[in-house]
Amino acid sequence: MSEPLDYIKLASNKPKGKRPYFHDDPAVERVLNITMAVAGELAVMRERMDSIERLLETRGVLTREEIENFVPQDKTQEEQRQLWHAEYIGRILRIVQQEMEELQNPDKTLEEIANDINQM
């Protein structure tokens, strides 16, 4: 059996070179990146859920009300949801994870790090 995926580690994958920044304030850039990650995730999920709900209702399998009132029935279902949440948060907070890793293993010189700190 293969090892389970480490979604936090996968979320920290990044391309070579420096990250492009579009705002002078790194905090604004960080919040924008997080917000856009959430928006992308939400848009995809919303389209998929709409498709599923319409298909189920059209075929008489489930109503939207039954979907809204669903509660996980066992520990396995709850664990699967918790795993999904961990993966989701890993994707959303990817930029924060990458910045923490950069501080631990900087590709920058001490002078570049000092300049970054002074600009904050």
N, C-alpha and C. Protein backbone atom coordinates (compact mmCIF):
# COMPACT_ATOMS: atom_id res chain seq x y z
N MET A 1 0.84 -1.18 0.00
CA MET A 1 0.00 0.00 0.00
C MET A 1 0.89 1.24 0.00
N SER A 2 0.53 2.24 -0.79
CA SER A 2 1.35 3.44 -0.89
C SER A 2 1.10 4.36 0.31
N GLU A 3 2.08 5.26 0.54
CA GLU A 3 1.97 6.22 1.63
C GLU A 3 0.85 7.22 1.33
N PRO A 4 0.16 7.68 2.37
CA PRO A 4 -0.86 8.71 2.12
C PRO A 4 -0.17 10.01 1.68
N LEU A 5 -0.88 10.77 0.87
CA LEU A 5 -0.33 12.03 0.37
C LEU A 5 -0.25 13.06 1.49
N ASP A 6 0.82 13.84 1.50
CA ASP A 6 0.97 14.93 2.45
C ASP A 6 0.52 16.20 1.74
N TYR A 7 -0.73 16.58 1.94
CA TYR A 7 -1.31 17.69 1.20
C TYR A 7 -0.69 19.03 1.58
N ILE A 8 -0.25 19.17 2.81
CA ILE A 8 0.42 20.41 3.22
C ILE A 8 1.73 20.55 2.46
N LYS A 9 2.47 19.47 2.36
CA LYS A 9 3.73 19.49 1.62
C LYS A 9 3.49 19.75 0.14
N LEU A 10 2.47 19.10 -0.43
CA LEU A 10 2.15 19.32 -1.84
C LEU A 10 1.74 20.77 -2.10
N ALA A 11 1.04 21.35 -1.15
CA ALA A 11 0.59 22.74 -1.32
C ALA A 11 1.77 23.70 -1.35
N SER A 12 2.91 23.27 -0.79
CA SER A 12 4.06 24.16 -0.75
C SER A 12 4.91 24.08 -2.02
N ASN A 13 4.54 23.21 -2.96
CA ASN A 13 5.26 23.16 -4.23
C ASN A 13 5.16 24.51 -4.92
N LYS A 14 6.26 24.95 -5.48
CA LYS A 14 6.24 26.25 -6.15
C LYS A 14 7.20 26.23 -7.32
N PRO A 15 6.95 27.11 -8.29
CA PRO A 15 7.84 27.18 -9.44
C PRO A 15 9.18 27.79 -9.04
N LYS A 16 10.17 27.59 -9.87
CA LYS A 16 11.50 28.17 -9.62
C LYS A 16 11.43 29.68 -9.78
N GLY A 17 12.34 30.37 -9.14
CA GLY A 17 12.39 31.82 -9.24
C GLY A 17 11.55 32.49 -8.18
N LYS A 18 11.60 33.81 -8.21
CA LYS A 18 10.87 34.59 -7.20
C LYS A 18 9.40 34.72 -7.57
N ARG A 19 8.56 34.76 -6.56
CA ARG A 19 7.12 34.94 -6.73
C ARG A 19 6.88 36.38 -7.19
N PRO A 20 6.04 36.56 -8.21
CA PRO A 20 5.71 37.93 -8.61
C PRO A 20 4.74 38.56 -7.60
N TYR A 21 5.01 39.78 -7.23
CA TYR A 21 4.12 40.51 -6.34
C TYR A 21 3.55 41.70 -7.08
N PHE A 22 2.27 42.00 -6.82
CA PHE A 22 1.57 43.06 -7.54
C PHE A 22 1.24 44.25 -6.65
N HIS A 23 1.44 44.11 -5.35
CA HIS A 23 1.17 45.20 -4.40
C HIS A 23 2.44 45.48 -3.61
N ASP A 24 2.55 46.71 -3.15
CA ASP A 24 3.72 47.10 -2.37
C ASP A 24 3.71 46.46 -0.98
N ASP A 25 2.53 46.26 -0.45
CA ASP A 25 2.40 45.71 0.90
C ASP A 25 2.28 44.19 0.82
N PRO A 26 3.26 43.45 1.39
CA PRO A 26 3.20 41.99 1.34
C PRO A 26 1.96 41.41 2.01
N ALA A 27 1.44 42.08 3.04
CA ALA A 27 0.24 41.57 3.71
C ALA A 27 -0.96 41.64 2.77
N VAL A 28 -1.07 42.70 1.99
CA VAL A 28 -2.16 42.82 1.02
C VAL A 28 -2.02 41.72 -0.03
N GLU A 29 -0.83 41.49 -0.47
CA GLU A 29 -0.57 40.45 -1.47
C GLU A 29 -0.96 39.08 -0.93
N ARG A 30 -0.62 38.81 0.31
CA ARG A 30 -0.93 37.52 0.95
C ARG A 30 -2.45 37.32 1.03
N VAL A 31 -3.15 38.35 1.50
CA VAL A 31 -4.61 38.26 1.62
C VAL A 31 -5.25 38.08 0.25
N LEU A 32 -4.74 38.79 -0.75
CA LEU A 32 -5.28 38.65 -2.10
C LEU A 32 -5.08 37.23 -2.62
N ASN A 33 -3.90 36.65 -2.40
CA ASN A 33 -3.65 35.28 -2.84
C ASN A 33 -4.57 34.29 -2.16
N ILE A 34 -4.76 34.45 -0.86
CA ILE A 34 -5.65 33.56 -0.12
C ILE A 34 -7.08 33.71 -0.62
N THR A 35 -7.51 34.95 -0.80
CA THR A 35 -8.87 35.22 -1.26
C THR A 35 -9.11 34.61 -2.64
N MET A 36 -8.15 34.75 -3.55
CA MET A 36 -8.31 34.21 -4.89
C MET A 36 -8.31 32.68 -4.87
N ALA A 37 -7.53 32.08 -3.98
CA ALA A 37 -7.55 30.61 -3.86
C ALA A 37 -8.92 30.14 -3.40
N VAL A 38 -9.48 30.83 -2.41
CA VAL A 38 -10.82 30.48 -1.91
C VAL A 38 -11.86 30.69 -3.01
N ALA A 39 -11.77 31.80 -3.72
CA ALA A 39 -12.74 32.10 -4.77
C ALA A 39 -12.70 31.03 -5.86
N GLY A 40 -11.52 30.61 -6.26
CA GLY A 40 -11.39 29.56 -7.27
C GLY A 40 -11.97 28.24 -6.81
N GLU A 41 -11.64 27.86 -5.59
CA GLU A 41 -12.18 26.62 -5.02
C GLU A 41 -13.70 26.68 -4.95
N LEU A 42 -14.22 27.79 -4.48
CA LEU A 42 -15.66 27.93 -4.32
C LEU A 42 -16.39 27.90 -5.65
N ALA A 43 -15.84 28.56 -6.66
CA ALA A 43 -16.49 28.59 -7.97
C ALA A 43 -16.60 27.18 -8.57
N VAL A 44 -15.52 26.43 -8.49
CA VAL A 44 -15.53 25.06 -9.02
C VAL A 44 -16.51 24.19 -8.24
N MET A 45 -16.48 24.29 -6.93
CA MET A 45 -17.37 23.49 -6.09
C MET A 45 -18.83 23.84 -6.34
N ARG A 46 -19.12 25.11 -6.48
CA ARG A 46 -20.50 25.54 -6.70
C ARG A 46 -21.05 24.99 -8.02
N GLU A 47 -20.25 25.03 -9.07
CA GLU A 47 -20.70 24.49 -10.36
C GLU A 47 -20.96 22.99 -10.26
N ARG A 48 -20.05 22.28 -9.62
CA ARG A 48 -20.21 20.83 -9.48
C ARG A 48 -21.45 20.48 -8.64
N MET A 49 -21.63 21.19 -7.54
CA MET A 49 -22.78 20.91 -6.68
C MET A 49 -24.09 21.22 -7.40
N ASP A 50 -24.12 22.29 -8.15
CA ASP A 50 -25.32 22.63 -8.90
C ASP A 50 -25.65 21.52 -9.90
N SER A 51 -24.64 21.03 -10.60
CA SER A 51 -24.84 19.94 -11.56
C SER A 51 -25.38 18.69 -10.86
N ILE A 52 -24.76 18.32 -9.78
CA ILE A 52 -25.17 17.11 -9.04
C ILE A 52 -26.59 17.25 -8.51
N GLU A 53 -26.88 18.37 -7.89
CA GLU A 53 -28.22 18.57 -7.34
C GLU A 53 -29.29 18.54 -8.43
N ARG A 54 -29.02 19.17 -9.55
CA ARG A 54 -30.00 19.17 -10.64
C ARG A 54 -30.21 17.77 -11.21
N LEU A 55 -29.13 17.01 -11.38
CA LEU A 55 -29.25 15.65 -11.89
C LEU A 55 -30.02 14.76 -10.92
N LEU A 56 -29.69 14.84 -9.65
CA LEU A 56 -30.38 14.02 -8.65
C LEU A 56 -31.86 14.35 -8.56
N GLU A 57 -32.16 15.63 -8.57
CA GLU A 57 -33.56 16.04 -8.48
C GLU A 57 -34.33 15.67 -9.75
N THR A 58 -33.73 15.89 -10.91
CA THR A 58 -34.38 15.55 -12.19
C THR A 58 -34.68 14.06 -12.27
N ARG A 59 -33.78 13.24 -11.76
CA ARG A 59 -33.97 11.78 -11.82
C ARG A 59 -34.78 11.25 -10.64
N GLY A 60 -35.21 12.12 -9.77
CA GLY A 60 -36.05 11.70 -8.64
C GLY A 60 -35.30 10.93 -7.58
N VAL A 61 -34.00 11.08 -7.51
CA VAL A 61 -33.20 10.35 -6.53
C VAL A 61 -33.24 11.05 -5.17
N LEU A 62 -32.97 12.34 -5.17
CA LEU A 62 -32.96 13.14 -3.95
C LEU A 62 -33.50 14.52 -4.25
N THR A 63 -34.03 15.16 -3.23
CA THR A 63 -34.43 16.56 -3.38
C THR A 63 -33.33 17.44 -2.79
N ARG A 64 -33.35 18.69 -3.16
CA ARG A 64 -32.36 19.63 -2.59
C ARG A 64 -32.55 19.75 -1.07
N GLU A 65 -33.76 19.62 -0.60
CA GLU A 65 -34.02 19.68 0.84
C GLU A 65 -33.33 18.52 1.57
N GLU A 66 -33.38 17.32 0.99
CA GLU A 66 -32.69 16.17 1.60
C GLU A 66 -31.18 16.40 1.64
N ILE A 67 -30.65 17.02 0.60
CA ILE A 67 -29.22 17.32 0.57
C ILE A 67 -28.86 18.32 1.67
N GLU A 68 -29.67 19.36 1.81
CA GLU A 68 -29.43 20.39 2.83
C GLU A 68 -29.46 19.81 4.24
N ASN A 69 -30.30 18.81 4.47
CA ASN A 69 -30.48 18.25 5.82
C ASN A 69 -29.60 17.04 6.12
N PHE A 70 -28.70 16.67 5.20
CA PHE A 70 -27.86 15.49 5.39
C PHE A 70 -26.90 15.68 6.57
N VAL A 71 -26.75 14.61 7.36
CA VAL A 71 -25.80 14.56 8.47
C VAL A 71 -24.98 13.29 8.29
N PRO A 72 -23.63 13.36 8.39
CA PRO A 72 -22.81 12.14 8.25
C PRO A 72 -23.31 11.04 9.19
N GLN A 73 -23.35 9.80 8.66
CA GLN A 73 -23.95 8.70 9.39
C GLN A 73 -22.96 7.87 10.21
N ASP A 74 -21.65 8.00 9.91
CA ASP A 74 -20.69 7.20 10.67
C ASP A 74 -19.34 7.92 10.74
N LYS A 75 -18.44 7.32 11.51
CA LYS A 75 -17.12 7.90 11.74
C LYS A 75 -16.31 8.02 10.45
N THR A 76 -16.43 7.06 9.54
CA THR A 76 -15.70 7.10 8.28
C THR A 76 -16.08 8.32 7.46
N GLN A 77 -17.37 8.59 7.37
CA GLN A 77 -17.82 9.77 6.63
C GLN A 77 -17.28 11.06 7.26
N GLU A 78 -17.29 11.13 8.57
CA GLU A 78 -16.75 12.30 9.26
C GLU A 78 -15.25 12.44 9.02
N GLU A 79 -14.51 11.33 9.06
CA GLU A 79 -13.07 11.36 8.81
C GLU A 79 -12.76 11.80 7.39
N GLN A 80 -13.55 11.34 6.42
CA GLN A 80 -13.35 11.75 5.04
C GLN A 80 -13.57 13.26 4.88
N ARG A 81 -14.56 13.78 5.56
CA ARG A 81 -14.80 15.22 5.51
C ARG A 81 -13.66 15.99 6.17
N GLN A 82 -13.15 15.49 7.28
CA GLN A 82 -12.02 16.15 7.95
C GLN A 82 -10.78 16.16 7.06
N LEU A 83 -10.53 15.05 6.35
CA LEU A 83 -9.40 14.99 5.43
C LEU A 83 -9.58 16.01 4.32
N TRP A 84 -10.79 16.11 3.78
CA TRP A 84 -11.05 17.09 2.74
C TRP A 84 -10.78 18.51 3.25
N HIS A 85 -11.21 18.78 4.47
CA HIS A 85 -10.99 20.11 5.06
C HIS A 85 -9.49 20.40 5.16
N ALA A 86 -8.70 19.43 5.58
CA ALA A 86 -7.25 19.63 5.70
C ALA A 86 -6.62 19.92 4.33
N GLU A 87 -7.05 19.19 3.32
CA GLU A 87 -6.54 19.42 1.97
C GLU A 87 -6.93 20.81 1.48
N TYR A 88 -8.15 21.18 1.73
CA TYR A 88 -8.68 22.47 1.29
C TYR A 88 -7.91 23.63 1.94
N ILE A 89 -7.74 23.56 3.24
CA ILE A 89 -7.01 24.60 3.96
C ILE A 89 -5.56 24.66 3.47
N GLY A 90 -4.97 23.50 3.17
CA GLY A 90 -3.61 23.47 2.64
C GLY A 90 -3.51 24.23 1.32
N ARG A 91 -4.50 24.06 0.46
CA ARG A 91 -4.49 24.78 -0.82
C ARG A 91 -4.71 26.27 -0.62
N ILE A 92 -5.61 26.64 0.27
CA ILE A 92 -5.93 28.04 0.48
C ILE A 92 -4.77 28.79 1.13
N LEU A 93 -4.15 28.18 2.11
CA LEU A 93 -3.07 28.84 2.84
C LEU A 93 -1.69 28.54 2.25
N ARG A 94 -1.66 28.13 1.00
CA ARG A 94 -0.43 27.77 0.31
C ARG A 94 0.62 28.88 0.40
N ILE A 95 0.25 30.13 0.18
CA ILE A 95 1.22 31.23 0.19
C ILE A 95 1.83 31.41 1.57
N VAL A 96 1.05 31.25 2.62
CA VAL A 96 1.58 31.39 3.97
C VAL A 96 2.60 30.29 4.24
N GLN A 97 2.27 29.05 3.85
CA GLN A 97 3.18 27.92 4.02
C GLN A 97 4.49 28.16 3.27
N GLN A 98 4.39 28.64 2.04
CA GLN A 98 5.58 28.89 1.24
C GLN A 98 6.46 29.97 1.85
N GLU A 99 5.83 31.02 2.36
CA GLU A 99 6.61 32.09 2.99
C GLU A 99 7.29 31.60 4.26
N MET A 100 6.63 30.76 5.03
CA MET A 100 7.26 30.20 6.23
C MET A 100 8.45 29.34 5.85
N GLU A 101 8.30 28.54 4.80
CA GLU A 101 9.41 27.69 4.35
C GLU A 101 10.57 28.53 3.83
N GLU A 102 10.25 29.61 3.16
CA GLU A 102 11.31 30.49 2.65
C GLU A 102 12.11 31.10 3.79
N LEU A 103 11.42 31.45 4.89
CA LEU A 103 12.12 31.98 6.05
C LEU A 103 13.03 30.94 6.68
N GLN A 104 12.62 29.67 6.63
CA GLN A 104 13.42 28.59 7.20
C GLN A 104 14.59 28.22 6.31
N ASN A 105 14.39 28.27 4.99
CA ASN A 105 15.43 27.93 4.01
C ASN A 105 15.46 29.00 2.93
N PRO A 106 15.95 30.18 3.28
CA PRO A 106 15.88 31.27 2.31
C PRO A 106 16.79 31.05 1.12
N ASP A 107 16.27 31.42 -0.05
CA ASP A 107 17.09 31.45 -1.26
C ASP A 107 17.75 32.81 -1.37
N LYS A 108 17.46 33.69 -0.41
CA LYS A 108 17.96 35.05 -0.43
C LYS A 108 19.17 35.18 0.50
N THR A 109 19.93 36.22 0.24
CA THR A 109 21.04 36.54 1.15
C THR A 109 20.46 37.21 2.39
N LEU A 110 21.24 37.30 3.44
CA LEU A 110 20.80 37.99 4.65
C LEU A 110 20.45 39.45 4.36
N GLU A 111 21.20 40.07 3.45
CA GLU A 111 20.93 41.46 3.08
C GLU A 111 19.56 41.59 2.42
N GLU A 112 19.21 40.67 1.52
CA GLU A 112 17.90 40.71 0.86
C GLU A 112 16.78 40.50 1.87
N ILE A 113 16.97 39.59 2.83
CA ILE A 113 15.96 39.35 3.87
C ILE A 113 15.79 40.62 4.72
N ALA A 114 16.91 41.25 5.11
CA ALA A 114 16.84 42.48 5.90
C ALA A 114 16.11 43.58 5.14
N ASN A 115 16.37 43.70 3.84
CA ASN A 115 15.68 44.70 3.03
C ASN A 115 14.18 44.42 2.97
N ASP A 116 13.81 43.14 2.84
CA ASP A 116 12.39 42.77 2.83
C ASP A 116 11.72 43.16 4.14
N ILE A 117 12.39 42.90 5.24
CA ILE A 117 11.83 43.21 6.56
C ILE A 117 11.69 44.72 6.72
N ASN A 118 12.68 45.47 6.29
CA ASN A 118 12.63 46.93 6.40
C ASN A 118 11.50 47.53 5.56
N GLN A 119 11.10 46.86 4.49
CA GLN A 119 10.05 47.37 3.63
C GLN A 119 8.66 47.08 4.19
N MET A 120 8.56 46.22 5.19
CA MET A 120 7.25 45.86 5.76
C MET A 120 6.70 46.97 6.62
